[in-house]
C-alpha atoms as a PDB file:
ATOM      1  CA  MET A   1      71.516  52.493 -14.418  1.00  0.00           C
ATOM      2  CA  LYS A   2      70.485  50.208 -16.716  1.00  0.00           C
ATOM      3  CA  THR A   3      70.965  46.475 -16.524  1.00  0.00           C
ATOM      4  CA  SER A   4      71.814  44.073 -18.915  1.00  0.00           C
ATOM      5  CA  SER A   5      68.837  42.540 -18.249  1.00  0.00           C
ATOM      6  CA  GLU A   6      67.186  45.869 -20.022  1.00  0.00           C
ATOM      7  CA  THR A   7      66.350  45.596 -23.360  1.00  0.00           C
ATOM      8  CA  LYS A   8      67.690  49.182 -25.984  1.00  0.00           C
ATOM      9  CA  SER A   9      64.956  51.466 -28.146  1.00  0.00           C
ATOM     10  CA  LYS A  10      66.828  53.243 -31.090  1.00  0.00           C
ATOM     11  CA  LEU A  11      65.694  57.513 -31.184  1.00  0.00           C
ATOM     12  CA  THR A  12      66.359  59.652 -33.183  1.00  0.00           C
ATOM     13  CA  LEU A  13      67.666  63.325 -31.559  1.00  0.00           C
ATOM     14  CA  SER A  14      68.506  66.333 -33.713  1.00  0.00           C
ATOM     15  CA  VAL A  15      71.094  68.582 -32.432  1.00  0.00           C
ATOM     16  CA  SER A  16      73.226  70.485 -34.305  1.00  0.00           C
ATOM     17  CA  LYS A  17      76.484  70.046 -36.389  1.00  0.00           C
ATOM     18  CA  SER A  18      78.831  71.553 -34.279  1.00  0.00           C
ATOM     19  CA  ASN A  19      77.448  69.781 -30.540  1.00  0.00           C
ATOM     20  CA  LEU A  20      77.530  66.343 -32.618  1.00  0.00           C
ATOM     21  CA  GLU A  21      80.772  66.175 -33.648  1.00  0.00           C
ATOM     22  CA  ASN A  22      81.545  67.577 -30.373  1.00  0.00           C
ATOM     23  CA  ALA A  23      79.768  64.721 -29.004  1.00  0.00           C
ATOM     24  CA  ARG A  24      81.576  61.831 -30.683  1.00  0.00           C
ATOM     25  CA  LYS A  25      85.011  63.410 -29.829  1.00  0.00           C
ATOM     26  CA  PHE A  26      84.214  63.620 -27.059  1.00  0.00           C
ATOM     27  CA  ALA A  27      83.096  60.405 -26.233  1.00  0.00           C
ATOM     28  CA  GLU A  28      86.503  58.865 -29.173  1.00  0.00           C
ATOM     29  CA  GLN A  29      88.561  60.904 -26.136  1.00  0.00           C
ATOM     30  CA  HIS A  30      86.850  58.651 -23.063  1.00  0.00           C
ATOM     31  CA  GLY A  31      86.755  55.488 -25.429  1.00  0.00           C
ATOM     32  CA  THR A  32      82.611  54.856 -24.438  1.00  0.00           C
ATOM     33  CA  SER A  33      79.774  55.803 -27.255  1.00  0.00           C
ATOM     34  CA  LEU A  34      77.671  58.309 -28.345  1.00  0.00           C
ATOM     35  CA  SER A  35      74.443  56.093 -27.602  1.00  0.00           C
ATOM     36  CA  PHE A  36      75.952  55.316 -23.632  1.00  0.00           C
ATOM     37  CA  LEU A  37      76.778  58.920 -23.222  1.00  0.00           C
ATOM     38  CA  VAL A  38      73.619  59.608 -23.663  1.00  0.00           C
ATOM     39  CA  ASP A  39      71.998  57.024 -22.346  1.00  0.00           C
ATOM     40  CA  SER A  40      74.286  57.476 -18.979  1.00  0.00           C
ATOM     41  CA  TYR A  41      72.846  61.194 -19.040  1.00  0.00           C
ATOM     42  CA  LEU A  42      69.162  60.022 -19.193  1.00  0.00           C
ATOM     43  CA  SER A  43      70.094  57.738 -16.952  1.00  0.00           C
ATOM     44  CA  ASN A  44      70.213  60.874 -13.590  1.00  0.00           C
ATOM     45  CA  PHE A  45      65.873  61.466 -14.544  1.00  0.00           C
ATOM     46  CA  GLN A  46      65.076  57.883 -13.413  1.00  0.00           C
ATOM     47  CA  PRO A  47      62.805  58.155 -10.436  1.00  0.00           C
ATOM     48  CA  LYS A  48      64.316  58.306  -6.662  1.00  0.00           C
ATOM     49  CA  ALA A  49      63.361  55.344  -4.167  1.00  0.00           C
ATOM     50  CA  GLN A  50      61.206  56.587  -1.923  1.00  0.00           C
ATOM     51  CA  LYS A  51      61.949  56.706   1.800  1.00  0.00           C
ATOM     52  CA  THR A  52      59.534  54.794   3.774  1.00  0.00           C
ATOM     53  CA  LYS A  53      58.574  56.503   6.666  1.00  0.00           C
ATOM     54  CA  PRO A  54      59.850  55.429   9.738  1.00  0.00           C
ATOM     55  CA  PRO A  55      57.061  53.031  12.246  1.00  0.00           C
ATOM     56  CA  TYR A  56      56.955  56.087  14.591  1.00  0.00           C
ATOM     57  CA  SER A  57      58.941  59.869  14.983  1.00  0.00           C
ATOM     58  CA  ILE A  58      60.888  61.396  17.891  1.00  0.00           C
ATOM     59  CA  ASN A  59      58.338  63.788  18.180  1.00  0.00           C
ATOM     60  CA  GLU A  60      55.693  60.555  18.531  1.00  0.00           C
ATOM     61  CA  MET A  61      57.284  58.902  20.892  1.00  0.00           C
ATOM     62  CA  PHE A  62      57.567  61.982  23.193  1.00  0.00           C
ATOM     63  CA  GLY A  63      54.520  61.724  23.209  1.00  0.00           C
ATOM     64  CA  PHE A  64      53.902  58.935  25.017  1.00  0.00           C
ATOM     65  CA  LEU A  65      54.970  60.911  27.771  1.00  0.00           C
ATOM     66  CA  LYS A  66      53.039  63.222  28.491  1.00  0.00           C
ATOM     67  CA  ASP A  67      50.710  61.254  30.093  1.00  0.00           C
ATOM     68  CA  SER A  68      53.381  59.352  32.974  1.00  0.00           C
ATOM     69  CA  PRO A  69      53.834  59.699  36.450  1.00  0.00           C
ATOM     70  CA  MET A  70      56.946  60.960  35.731  1.00  0.00           C
ATOM     71  CA  SER A  71      55.859  63.652  33.302  1.00  0.00           C
ATOM     72  CA  ASN A  72      55.496  66.462  36.419  1.00  0.00           C
ATOM     73  CA  MET A  73      59.388  65.649  38.182  1.00  0.00           C
ATOM     74  CA  THR A  74      62.281  66.803  37.605  1.00  0.00           C
ATOM     75  CA  ASP A  75      65.429  65.170  35.988  1.00  0.00           C
ATOM     76  CA  ARG A  76      66.612  65.031  38.728  1.00  0.00           C
ATOM     77  CA  GLU A  77      63.801  64.892  40.627  1.00  0.00           C
ATOM     78  CA  ILE A  78      63.495  61.778  38.494  1.00  0.00           C
ATOM     79  CA  ARG A  79      67.873  60.127  38.979  1.00  0.00           C
ATOM     80  CA  ASP A  80      67.038  60.619  42.601  1.00  0.00           C
ATOM     81  CA  MET A  81      64.503  58.681  41.986  1.00  0.00           C
ATOM     82  CA  MET A  82      66.163  55.373  39.813  1.00  0.00           C
ATOM     83  CA  ILE A  83      69.441  55.309  42.514  1.00  0.00           C
ATOM     84  CA  LYS A  84      67.870  55.037  44.971  1.00  0.00           C
ATOM     85  CA  ASP A  85      65.392  52.354  43.007  1.00  0.00           C
ATOM     86  CA  LYS A  86      69.033  50.289  41.594  1.00  0.00           C
ATOM     87  CA  TYR A  87      70.670  50.799  44.998  1.00  0.00           C
ATOM     88  CA  GLY A  88      68.252  50.089  47.292  1.00  0.00           C
ATOM     89  CA  LEU A  89      67.896  53.712  49.629  1.00  0.00           C
END
């Protein structure tokens, strides 16, 4: 939405009388102004903050493992090797 530091500008719109009356009634029933309703509606069209790409994706990280000595080993072989290293078997 808008912050208090934003300056306001005037806007002239052409709308049908029935839409204007309905909008005024709606604003009055909700304790707000027609200007606030229009401003709130227009704030939905603000560009969203762009997501930054993480430095490495999961798929890129798996690329590092392709050339590793364990790339030709099965999961069981890797597990057995790690158990042997951990417990000195």
